[in-house]
PDB file of all heavy atoms in Angstrom:
ATOM      1  N   THR A   1      22.514 -30.833 -47.274  1.00  0.00           N
ATOM      2  CA  THR A   1      22.723 -30.173 -48.560  1.00  0.00           C
ATOM      3  C   THR A   1      23.540 -28.896 -48.409  1.00  0.00           C
ATOM      4  O   THR A   1      23.498 -28.244 -47.364  1.00  0.00           O
ATOM      5  CB  THR A   1      21.359 -29.841 -49.218  1.00  0.00           C
ATOM      6  OG1 THR A   1      21.582 -29.192 -50.479  1.00  0.00           O
ATOM      7  CG2 THR A   1      20.513 -28.939 -48.335  1.00  0.00           C
ATOM      8  N   ARG A   2      24.277 -28.570 -49.492  1.00  0.00           N
ATOM      9  CA  ARG A   2      25.001 -27.293 -49.527  1.00  0.00           C
ATOM     10  C   ARG A   2      24.099 -26.172 -50.014  1.00  0.00           C
ATOM     11  O   ARG A   2      24.452 -25.002 -49.915  1.00  0.00           O
ATOM     12  CB  ARG A   2      26.226 -27.417 -50.447  1.00  0.00           C
ATOM     13  CG  ARG A   2      27.332 -28.271 -49.855  1.00  0.00           C
ATOM     14  CD  ARG A   2      28.530 -28.402 -50.773  1.00  0.00           C
ATOM     15  NE  ARG A   2      28.241 -29.223 -51.931  1.00  0.00           N
ATOM     16  CZ  ARG A   2      29.192 -29.814 -52.670  1.00  0.00           C
ATOM     17  NH1 ARG A   2      30.463 -29.669 -52.338  1.00  0.00           N
ATOM     18  NH2 ARG A   2      28.878 -30.536 -53.722  1.00  0.00           N
ATOM     19  N   ARG A   3      22.923 -26.553 -50.530  1.00  0.00           N
ATOM     20  CA  ARG A   3      21.950 -25.547 -50.962  1.00  0.00           C
ATOM     21  C   ARG A   3      21.127 -25.062 -49.756  1.00  0.00           C
ATOM     22  O   ARG A   3      21.289 -25.572 -48.648  1.00  0.00           O
ATOM     23  CB  ARG A   3      21.018 -26.158 -52.014  1.00  0.00           C
ATOM     24  CG  ARG A   3      21.684 -26.451 -53.338  1.00  0.00           C
ATOM     25  CD  ARG A   3      20.715 -27.113 -54.306  1.00  0.00           C
ATOM     26  NE  ARG A   3      20.645 -28.555 -54.125  1.00  0.00           N
ATOM     27  CZ  ARG A   3      19.701 -29.333 -54.632  1.00  0.00           C
ATOM     28  NH1 ARG A   3      18.705 -28.789 -55.326  1.00  0.00           N
ATOM     29  NH2 ARG A   3      19.705 -30.635 -54.442  1.00  0.00           N
ATOM     30  N   ASP A   4      20.265 -24.124 -49.994  1.00  0.00           N
ATOM     31  CA  ASP A   4      19.342 -23.692 -48.949  1.00  0.00           C
ATOM     32  C   ASP A   4      18.358 -24.833 -48.693  1.00  0.00           C
ATOM     33  O   ASP A   4      17.605 -25.214 -49.593  1.00  0.00           O
ATOM     34  CB  ASP A   4      18.594 -22.434 -49.414  1.00  0.00           C
ATOM     35  CG  ASP A   4      17.557 -21.953 -48.395  1.00  0.00           C
ATOM     36  OD1 ASP A   4      17.437 -22.570 -47.323  1.00  0.00           O
ATOM     37  OD2 ASP A   4      16.870 -20.948 -48.691  1.00  0.00           O
ATOM     38  N   PRO A   5      18.340 -25.398 -47.468  1.00  0.00           N
ATOM     39  CA  PRO A   5      17.445 -26.539 -47.192  1.00  0.00           C
ATOM     40  C   PRO A   5      15.979 -26.237 -47.498  1.00  0.00           C
ATOM     41  O   PRO A   5      15.222 -27.149 -47.856  1.00  0.00           O
ATOM     42  CB  PRO A   5      17.657 -26.784 -45.692  1.00  0.00           C
ATOM     43  CG  PRO A   5      19.017 -26.251 -45.409  1.00  0.00           C
ATOM     44  CD  PRO A   5      19.182 -25.061 -46.312  1.00  0.00           C
ATOM     45  N   ALA A   6      15.564 -24.993 -47.380  1.00  0.00           N
ATOM     46  CA  ALA A   6      14.169 -24.643 -47.644  1.00  0.00           C
ATOM     47  C   ALA A   6      13.786 -24.898 -49.098  1.00  0.00           C
ATOM     48  O   ALA A   6      12.612 -25.105 -49.418  1.00  0.00           O
ATOM     49  CB  ALA A   6      13.921 -23.180 -47.289  1.00  0.00           C
ATOM     50  N   GLY A   7      14.768 -24.897 -49.986  1.00  0.00           N
ATOM     51  CA  GLY A   7      14.498 -25.095 -51.404  1.00  0.00           C
ATOM     52  C   GLY A   7      14.676 -26.527 -51.870  1.00  0.00           C
ATOM     53  O   GLY A   7      14.540 -26.816 -53.060  1.00  0.00           O
ATOM     54  N   VAL A   8      14.992 -27.437 -50.953  1.00  0.00           N
ATOM     55  CA  VAL A   8      15.201 -28.851 -51.307  1.00  0.00           C
ATOM     56  C   VAL A   8      14.025 -29.676 -50.812  1.00  0.00           C
ATOM     57  O   VAL A   8      13.811 -29.811 -49.606  1.00  0.00           O
ATOM     58  CB  VAL A   8      16.514 -29.392 -50.699  1.00  0.00           C
ATOM     59  CG1 VAL A   8      16.681 -30.874 -51.024  1.00  0.00           C
ATOM     60  CG2 VAL A   8      17.710 -28.591 -51.218  1.00  0.00           C
ATOM     61  N   LYS A   9      13.250 -30.204 -51.737  1.00  0.00           N
ATOM     62  CA  LYS A   9      12.078 -31.002 -51.393  1.00  0.00           C
ATOM     63  C   LYS A   9      12.390 -32.484 -51.574  1.00  0.00           C
ATOM     64  O   LYS A   9      12.747 -32.909 -52.671  1.00  0.00           O
ATOM     65  CB  LYS A   9      10.884 -30.619 -52.288  1.00  0.00           C
ATOM     66  CG  LYS A   9      10.487 -29.151 -52.176  1.00  0.00           C
ATOM     67  CD  LYS A   9       9.931 -28.818 -50.794  1.00  0.00           C
ATOM     68  CE  LYS A   9       9.498 -27.358 -50.734  1.00  0.00           C
ATOM     69  NZ  LYS A   9      10.175 -26.609 -49.686  1.00  0.00           N
ATOM     70  N   ILE A  10      12.252 -33.265 -50.494  1.00  0.00           N
ATOM     71  CA  ILE A  10      12.494 -34.698 -50.566  1.00  0.00           C
ATOM     72  C   ILE A  10      11.164 -35.456 -50.518  1.00  0.00           C
ATOM     73  O   ILE A  10      10.110 -34.871 -50.249  1.00  0.00           O
ATOM     74  CB  ILE A  10      13.443 -35.159 -49.442  1.00  0.00           C
ATOM     75  CG1 ILE A  10      12.822 -34.957 -48.056  1.00  0.00           C
ATOM     76  CG2 ILE A  10      14.778 -34.427 -49.557  1.00  0.00           C
ATOM     77  CD1 ILE A  10      13.661 -35.548 -46.917  1.00  0.00           C
ATOM     78  N   LEU A  11      11.219 -36.753 -50.780  1.00  0.00           N
ATOM     79  CA  LEU A  11      10.013 -37.562 -50.886  1.00  0.00           C
ATOM     80  C   LEU A  11       9.608 -38.211 -49.565  1.00  0.00           C
ATOM     81  O   LEU A  11       8.454 -38.570 -49.369  1.00  0.00           O
ATOM     82  CB  LEU A  11      10.224 -38.662 -51.935  1.00  0.00           C
ATOM     83  CG  LEU A  11      10.599 -38.176 -53.337  1.00  0.00           C
ATOM     84  CD1 LEU A  11      11.026 -39.350 -54.214  1.00  0.00           C
ATOM     85  CD2 LEU A  11       9.432 -37.436 -53.978  1.00  0.00           C
ATOM     86  N   THR A  12      10.567 -38.365 -48.659  1.00  0.00           N
ATOM     87  CA  THR A  12      10.325 -39.075 -47.397  1.00  0.00           C
ATOM     88  C   THR A  12       9.754 -38.121 -46.358  1.00  0.00           C
ATOM     89  O   THR A  12      10.447 -37.205 -45.905  1.00  0.00           O
ATOM     90  CB  THR A  12      11.636 -39.699 -46.879  1.00  0.00           C
ATOM     91  OG1 THR A  12      12.214 -40.499 -47.925  1.00  0.00           O
ATOM     92  CG2 THR A  12      11.379 -40.566 -45.650  1.00  0.00           C
ATOM     93  N   GLU A  13       8.523 -38.352 -45.965  1.00  0.00           N
ATOM     94  CA  GLU A  13       7.843 -37.422 -45.060  1.00  0.00           C
ATOM     95  C   GLU A  13       8.432 -37.435 -43.653  1.00  0.00           C
ATOM     96  O   GLU A  13       8.332 -36.450 -42.917  1.00  0.00           O
ATOM     97  CB  GLU A  13       6.345 -37.746 -45.009  1.00  0.00           C
ATOM     98  CG  GLU A  13       5.632 -37.482 -46.335  1.00  0.00           C
ATOM     99  CD  GLU A  13       4.158 -37.850 -46.285  1.00  0.00           C
ATOM    100  OE1 GLU A  13       3.708 -38.315 -45.214  1.00  0.00           O
ATOM    101  OE2 GLU A  13       3.470 -37.672 -47.308  1.00  0.00           O
ATOM    102  N   THR A  14       9.053 -38.544 -43.266  1.00  0.00           N
ATOM    103  CA  THR A  14       9.571 -38.664 -41.896  1.00  0.00           C
ATOM    104  C   THR A  14      10.993 -38.137 -41.745  1.00  0.00           C
ATOM    105  O   THR A  14      11.536 -38.133 -40.639  1.00  0.00           O
ATOM    106  CB  THR A  14       9.530 -40.133 -41.451  1.00  0.00           C
ATOM    107  OG1 THR A  14      10.240 -40.928 -42.423  1.00  0.00           O
ATOM    108  CG2 THR A  14       8.103 -40.624 -41.337  1.00  0.00           C
ATOM    109  N   ALA A  15      11.620 -37.720 -42.837  1.00  0.00           N
ATOM    110  CA  ALA A  15      12.991 -37.208 -42.784  1.00  0.00           C
ATOM    111  C   ALA A  15      13.003 -35.704 -43.025  1.00  0.00           C
ATOM    112  O   ALA A  15      12.061 -35.135 -43.583  1.00  0.00           O
ATOM    113  CB  ALA A  15      13.856 -37.906 -43.821  1.00  0.00           C
ATOM    114  N   LYS A  16      14.098 -35.064 -42.602  1.00  0.00           N
ATOM    115  CA  LYS A  16      14.239 -33.619 -42.771  1.00  0.00           C
ATOM    116  C   LYS A  16      15.505 -33.294 -43.552  1.00  0.00           C
ATOM    117  O   LYS A  16      16.432 -34.103 -43.648  1.00  0.00           O
ATOM    118  CB  LYS A  16      14.282 -32.928 -41.402  1.00  0.00           C
ATOM    119  CG  LYS A  16      12.960 -32.987 -40.641  1.00  0.00           C
ATOM    120  CD  LYS A  16      13.053 -32.179 -39.350  1.00  0.00           C
ATOM    121  CE  LYS A  16      11.717 -32.179 -38.592  1.00  0.00           C
ATOM    122  NZ  LYS A  16      11.809 -31.405 -37.333  1.00  0.00           N
ATOM    123  N   VAL A  17      15.513 -32.076 -44.099  1.00  0.00           N
ATOM    124  CA  VAL A  17      16.676 -31.581 -44.834  1.00  0.00           C
ATOM    125  C   VAL A  17      17.405 -30.563 -43.969  1.00  0.00           C
ATOM    126  O   VAL A  17      16.779 -29.655 -43.403  1.00  0.00           O
ATOM    127  CB  VAL A  17      16.254 -30.927 -46.165  1.00  0.00           C
ATOM    128  CG1 VAL A  17      17.478 -30.476 -46.952  1.00  0.00           C
ATOM    129  CG2 VAL A  17      15.413 -31.893 -46.996  1.00  0.00           C
ATOM    130  N   TYR A  18      18.720 -30.731 -43.877  1.00  0.00           N
ATOM    131  CA  TYR A  18      19.536 -29.855 -43.026  1.00  0.00           C
ATOM    132  C   TYR A  18      20.695 -29.289 -43.840  1.00  0.00           C
ATOM    133  O   TYR A  18      21.139 -29.889 -44.829  1.00  0.00           O
ATOM    134  CB  TYR A  18      20.133 -30.632 -41.849  1.00  0.00           C
ATOM    135  CG  TYR A  18      19.123 -31.261 -40.928  1.00  0.00           C
ATOM    136  CD1 TYR A  18      18.672 -32.560 -41.141  1.00  0.00           C
ATOM    137  CD2 TYR A  18      18.637 -30.575 -39.815  1.00  0.00           C
ATOM    138  CE1 TYR A  18      17.752 -33.163 -40.284  1.00  0.00           C
ATOM    139  CE2 TYR A  18      17.721 -31.165 -38.948  1.00  0.00           C
ATOM    140  CZ  TYR A  18      17.290 -32.455 -39.193  1.00  0.00           C
ATOM    141  OH  TYR A  18      16.389 -33.042 -38.345  1.00  0.00           O
ATOM    142  N   PRO A  19      21.235 -28.156 -43.413  1.00  0.00           N
ATOM    143  CA  PRO A  19      22.480 -27.686 -44.032  1.00  0.00           C
ATOM    144  C   PRO A  19      23.630 -28.611 -43.662  1.00  0.00           C
ATOM    145  O   PRO A  19      23.605 -29.248 -42.594  1.00  0.00           O
ATOM    146  CB  PRO A  19      22.672 -26.287 -43.441  1.00  0.00           C
ATOM    147  CG  PRO A  19      21.871 -26.273 -42.193  1.00  0.00           C
ATOM    148  CD  PRO A  19      20.738 -27.222 -42.381  1.00  0.00           C
ATOM    149  N   VAL A  20      24.615 -28.690 -44.528  1.00  0.00           N
ATOM    150  CA  VAL A  20      25.774 -29.563 -44.288  1.00  0.00           C
ATOM    151  C   VAL A  20      26.426 -29.272 -42.934  1.00  0.00           C
ATOM    152  O   VAL A  20      26.882 -30.191 -42.246  1.00  0.00           O
ATOM    153  CB  VAL A  20      26.793 -29.386 -45.442  1.00  0.00           C
ATOM    154  CG1 VAL A  20      28.131 -29.986 -45.088  1.00  0.00           C
ATOM    155  CG2 VAL A  20      26.255 -30.038 -46.716  1.00  0.00           C
ATOM    156  N   ALA A  21      26.429 -28.022 -42.552  1.00  0.00           N
ATOM    157  CA  ALA A  21      27.079 -27.640 -41.285  1.00  0.00           C
ATOM    158  C   ALA A  21      26.454 -28.312 -40.066  1.00  0.00           C
ATOM    159  O   ALA A  21      27.098 -28.423 -39.010  1.00  0.00           O
ATOM    160  CB  ALA A  21      27.021 -26.120 -41.113  1.00  0.00           C
ATOM    161  N   ASP A  22      25.215 -28.792 -40.197  1.00  0.00           N
ATOM    162  CA  ASP A  22      24.533 -29.419 -39.062  1.00  0.00           C
ATOM    163  C   ASP A  22      24.849 -30.902 -38.912  1.00  0.00           C
ATOM    164  O   ASP A  22      24.401 -31.539 -37.951  1.00  0.00           O
ATOM    165  CB  ASP A  22      23.010 -29.263 -39.201  1.00  0.00           C
ATOM    166  CG  ASP A  22      22.541 -27.853 -38.889  1.00  0.00           C
ATOM    167  OD1 ASP A  22      23.391 -27.014 -38.535  1.00  0.00           O
ATOM    168  OD2 ASP A  22      21.330 -27.584 -39.018  1.00  0.00           O
ATOM    169  N   ALA A  23      25.608 -31.472 -39.848  1.00  0.00           N
ATOM    170  CA  ALA A  23      25.839 -32.920 -39.831  1.00  0.00           C
ATOM    171  C   ALA A  23      26.487 -33.377 -38.525  1.00  0.00           C
ATOM    172  O   ALA A  23      26.076 -34.378 -37.934  1.00  0.00           O
ATOM    173  CB  ALA A  23      26.697 -33.330 -41.025  1.00  0.00           C
ATOM    174  N   GLU A  24      27.479 -32.632 -38.053  1.00  0.00           N
ATOM    175  CA  GLU A  24      28.215 -33.060 -36.858  1.00  0.00           C
ATOM    176  C   GLU A  24      27.289 -33.188 -35.642  1.00  0.00           C
ATOM    177  O   GLU A  24      27.486 -34.067 -34.796  1.00  0.00           O
ATOM    178  CB  GLU A  24      29.352 -32.083 -36.558  1.00  0.00           C
ATOM    179  CG  GLU A  24      30.242 -32.540 -35.425  1.00  0.00           C
ATOM    180  CD  GLU A  24      31.519 -31.729 -35.300  1.00  0.00           C
ATOM    181  OE1 GLU A  24      31.707 -30.770 -36.072  1.00  0.00           O
ATOM    182  OE2 GLU A  24      32.325 -32.059 -34.417  1.00  0.00           O
ATOM    183  N   LYS A  25      26.274 -32.353 -35.575  1.00  0.00           N
ATOM    184  CA  LYS A  25      25.352 -32.392 -34.439  1.00  0.00           C
ATOM    185  C   LYS A  25      24.542 -33.684 -34.405  1.00  0.00           C
ATOM    186  O   LYS A  25      23.978 -34.034 -33.365  1.00  0.00           O
ATOM    187  CB  LYS A  25      24.371 -31.202 -34.510  1.00  0.00           C
ATOM    188  CG  LYS A  25      25.029 -29.827 -34.485  1.00  0.00           C
ATOM    189  CD  LYS A  25      23.963 -28.747 -34.713  1.00  0.00           C
ATOM    190  CE  LYS A  25      24.603 -27.381 -34.931  1.00  0.00           C
ATOM    191  NZ  LYS A  25      23.591 -26.369 -35.326  1.00  0.00           N
ATOM    192  N   MET A  26      24.466 -34.388 -35.540  1.00  0.00           N
ATOM    193  CA  MET A  26      23.612 -35.576 -35.624  1.00  0.00           C
ATOM    194  C   MET A  26      24.416 -36.876 -35.703  1.00  0.00           C
ATOM    195  O   MET A  26      23.904 -37.911 -36.112  1.00  0.00           O
ATOM    196  CB  MET A  26      22.673 -35.458 -36.837  1.00  0.00           C
ATOM    197  CG  MET A  26      21.737 -34.269 -36.746  1.00  0.00           C
ATOM    198  SD  MET A  26      20.562 -34.193 -38.117  1.00  0.00           S
ATOM    199  CE  MET A  26      19.583 -35.660 -37.830  1.00  0.00           C
ATOM    200  N   LYS A  27      25.661 -36.824 -35.271  1.00  0.00           N
ATOM    201  CA  LYS A  27      26.502 -38.015 -35.426  1.00  0.00           C
ATOM    202  C   LYS A  27      26.017 -39.203 -34.604  1.00  0.00           C
ATOM    203  O   LYS A  27      26.329 -40.352 -34.912  1.00  0.00           O
ATOM    204  CB  LYS A  27      27.961 -37.689 -35.104  1.00  0.00           C
ATOM    205  CG  LYS A  27      28.242 -37.217 -33.692  1.00  0.00           C
ATOM    206  CD  LYS A  27      29.717 -36.877 -33.550  1.00  0.00           C
ATOM    207  CE  LYS A  27      30.036 -36.407 -32.142  1.00  0.00           C
ATOM    208  NZ  LYS A  27      31.460 -36.046 -32.004  1.00  0.00           N
ATOM    209  N   ASP A  28      25.236 -38.951 -33.544  1.00  0.00           N
ATOM    210  CA  ASP A  28      24.710 -40.061 -32.737  1.00  0.00           C
ATOM    211  C   ASP A  28      23.349 -40.556 -33.226  1.00  0.00           C
ATOM    212  O   ASP A  28      22.815 -41.526 -32.697  1.00  0.00           O
ATOM    213  CB  ASP A  28      24.592 -39.628 -31.271  1.00  0.00           C
ATOM    214  CG  ASP A  28      25.946 -39.312 -30.666  1.00  0.00           C
ATOM    215  OD1 ASP A  28      26.932 -39.976 -31.052  1.00  0.00           O
ATOM    216  OD2 ASP A  28      26.029 -38.387 -29.828  1.00  0.00           O
ATOM    217  N   GLU A  29      22.793 -39.880 -34.237  1.00  0.00           N
ATOM    218  CA  GLU A  29      21.465 -40.255 -34.742  1.00  0.00           C
ATOM    219  C   GLU A  29      21.522 -40.953 -36.095  1.00  0.00           C
ATOM    220  O   GLU A  29      20.496 -41.347 -36.641  1.00  0.00           O
ATOM    221  CB  GLU A  29      20.587 -38.999 -34.868  1.00  0.00           C
ATOM    222  CG  GLU A  29      20.326 -38.289 -33.545  1.00  0.00           C
ATOM    223  CD  GLU A  29      19.502 -37.026 -33.738  1.00  0.00           C
ATOM    224  OE1 GLU A  29      18.420 -37.137 -34.350  1.00  0.00           O
ATOM    225  OE2 GLU A  29      19.950 -35.954 -33.304  1.00  0.00           O
ATOM    226  N   ILE A  30      22.730 -41.107 -36.631  1.00  0.00           N
ATOM    227  CA  ILE A  30      22.901 -41.712 -37.960  1.00  0.00           C
ATOM    228  C   ILE A  30      23.891 -42.857 -37.869  1.00  0.00           C
ATOM    229  O   ILE A  30      24.997 -42.701 -37.346  1.00  0.00           O
ATOM    230  CB  ILE A  30      23.374 -40.649 -38.974  1.00  0.00           C
ATOM    231  CG1 ILE A  30      22.228 -39.664 -39.259  1.00  0.00           C
ATOM    232  CG2 ILE A  30      23.861 -41.293 -40.274  1.00  0.00           C
ATOM    233  CD1 ILE A  30      22.634 -38.446 -40.037  1.00  0.00           C
ATOM    234  N   ASP A  31      23.483 -44.033 -38.367  1.00  0.00           N
ATOM    235  CA  ASP A  31      24.354 -45.205 -38.334  1.00  0.00           C
ATOM    236  C   ASP A  31      25.332 -45.219 -39.500  1.00  0.00           C
ATOM    237  O   ASP A  31      26.488 -45.610 -39.339  1.00  0.00           O
ATOM    238  CB  ASP A  31      23.504 -46.484 -38.363  1.00  0.00           C
ATOM    239  CG  ASP A  31      22.626 -46.613 -37.128  1.00  0.00           C
ATOM    240  OD1 ASP A  31      23.146 -46.465 -36.010  1.00  0.00           O
ATOM    241  OD2 ASP A  31      21.405 -46.850 -37.296  1.00  0.00           O
ATOM    242  N   VAL A  32      24.863 -44.839 -40.686  1.00  0.00           N
ATOM    243  CA  VAL A  32      25.722 -44.795 -41.871  1.00  0.00           C
ATOM    244  C   VAL A  32      25.360 -43.555 -42.684  1.00  0.00           C
ATOM    245  O   VAL A  32      24.186 -43.311 -42.970  1.00  0.00           O
ATOM    246  CB  VAL A  32      25.552 -46.054 -42.760  1.00  0.00           C
ATOM    247  CG1 VAL A  32      26.526 -45.999 -43.940  1.00  0.00           C
ATOM    248  CG2 VAL A  32      25.768 -47.334 -41.966  1.00  0.00           C
ATOM    249  N   MET A  33      26.384 -42.799 -43.073  1.00  0.00           N
ATOM    250  CA  MET A  33      26.188 -41.637 -43.948  1.00  0.00           C
ATOM    251  C   MET A  33      26.598 -42.039 -45.366  1.00  0.00           C
ATOM    252  O   MET A  33      27.729 -42.492 -45.593  1.00  0.00           O
ATOM    253  CB  MET A  33      27.045 -40.460 -43.480  1.00  0.00           C
ATOM    254  CG  MET A  33      26.879 -39.204 -44.316  1.00  0.00           C
ATOM    255  SD  MET A  33      25.325 -38.340 -44.023  1.00  0.00           S
ATOM    256  CE  MET A  33      25.784 -37.364 -42.569  1.00  0.00           C
ATOM    257  N   ILE A  34      25.677 -41.891 -46.312  1.00  0.00           N
ATOM    258  CA  ILE A  34      25.972 -42.180 -47.718  1.00  0.00           C
ATOM    259  C   ILE A  34      26.322 -40.871 -48.411  1.00  0.00           C
ATOM    260  O   ILE A  34      25.513 -39.937 -48.440  1.00  0.00           O
ATOM    261  CB  ILE A  34      24.786 -42.873 -48.404  1.00  0.00           C
ATOM    262  CG1 ILE A  34      24.482 -44.210 -47.698  1.00  0.00           C
ATOM    263  CG2 ILE A  34      25.089 -43.115 -49.885  1.00  0.00           C
ATOM    264  CD1 ILE A  34      23.328 -44.993 -48.304  1.00  0.00           C
ATOM    265  N   LEU A  35      27.536 -40.809 -48.942  1.00  0.00           N
ATOM    266  CA  LEU A  35      28.053 -39.579 -49.547  1.00  0.00           C
ATOM    267  C   LEU A  35      27.772 -39.590 -51.040  1.00  0.00           C
ATOM    268  O   LEU A  35      28.244 -40.477 -51.763  1.00  0.00           O
ATOM    269  CB  LEU A  35      29.557 -39.462 -49.290  1.00  0.00           C
ATOM    270  CG  LEU A  35      29.975 -39.554 -47.807  1.00  0.00           C
ATOM    271  CD1 LEU A  35      31.492 -39.529 -47.679  1.00  0.00           C
ATOM    272  CD2 LEU A  35      29.345 -38.433 -47.000  1.00  0.00           C
ATOM    273  N   CYS A  36      27.005 -38.614 -51.505  1.00  0.00           N
ATOM    274  CA  CYS A  36      26.514 -38.607 -52.887  1.00  0.00           C
ATOM    275  C   CYS A  36      27.127 -37.496 -53.727  1.00  0.00           C
ATOM    276  O   CYS A  36      26.519 -37.016 -54.687  1.00  0.00           O
ATOM    277  CB  CYS A  36      24.985 -38.516 -52.890  1.00  0.00           C
ATOM    278  SG  CYS A  36      24.207 -39.931 -52.090  1.00  0.00           S
ATOM    279  N   GLY A  37      28.328 -37.064 -53.383  1.00  0.00           N
ATOM    280  CA  GLY A  37      29.023 -36.048 -54.159  1.00  0.00           C
ATOM    281  C   GLY A  37      29.754 -36.646 -55.343  1.00  0.00           C
ATOM    282  O   GLY A  37      29.749 -37.859 -55.565  1.00  0.00           O
ATOM    283  N   GLY A  38      30.424 -35.785 -56.108  1.00  0.00           N
ATOM    284  CA  GLY A  38      31.166 -36.214 -57.289  1.00  0.00           C
ATOM    285  C   GLY A  38      32.584 -36.640 -56.956  1.00  0.00           C
ATOM    286  O   GLY A  38      33.164 -36.213 -55.953  1.00  0.00           O
ATOM    287  N   SER A  39      33.141 -37.464 -57.833  1.00  0.00           N
ATOM    288  CA  SER A  39      34.485 -38.003 -57.585  1.00  0.00           C
ATOM    289  C   SER A  39      35.597 -36.997 -57.867  1.00  0.00           C
ATOM    290  O   SER A  39      36.695 -37.127 -57.328  1.00  0.00           O
ATOM    291  CB  SER A  39      34.704 -39.253 -58.450  1.00  0.00           C
ATOM    292  OG  SER A  39      33.816 -40.272 -58.070  1.00  0.00           O
ATOM    293  N   ALA A  40      35.326 -36.020 -58.719  1.00  0.00           N
ATOM    294  CA  ALA A  40      36.393 -35.096 -59.114  1.00  0.00           C
ATOM    295  C   ALA A  40      36.859 -34.225 -57.960  1.00  0.00           C
ATOM    296  O   ALA A  40      38.059 -34.170 -57.646  1.00  0.00           O
ATOM    297  CB  ALA A  40      35.918 -34.228 -60.279  1.00  0.00           C
ATOM    298  N   THR A  41      35.930 -33.553 -57.291  1.00  0.00           N
ATOM    299  CA  THR A  41      36.333 -32.600 -56.239  1.00  0.00           C
ATOM    300  C   THR A  41      35.668 -32.848 -54.894  1.00  0.00           C
ATOM    301  O   THR A  41      36.220 -32.479 -53.861  1.00  0.00           O
ATOM    302  CB  THR A  41      36.021 -31.158 -56.685  1.00  0.00           C
ATOM    303  OG1 THR A  41      34.623 -31.059 -57.003  1.00  0.00           O
ATOM    304  CG2 THR A  41      36.842 -30.777 -57.907  1.00  0.00           C
TER     305      THR A  41
END
């Protein structure tokens, strides 16, 4: 998330919320990244 991860509550207990900047560090732990942003920008 681009927001403060501490303020983002998800439903899946086994997953964690990270800042966007941390994505590159996890490239070997994720098989597919689903991008949920808007089409405009």
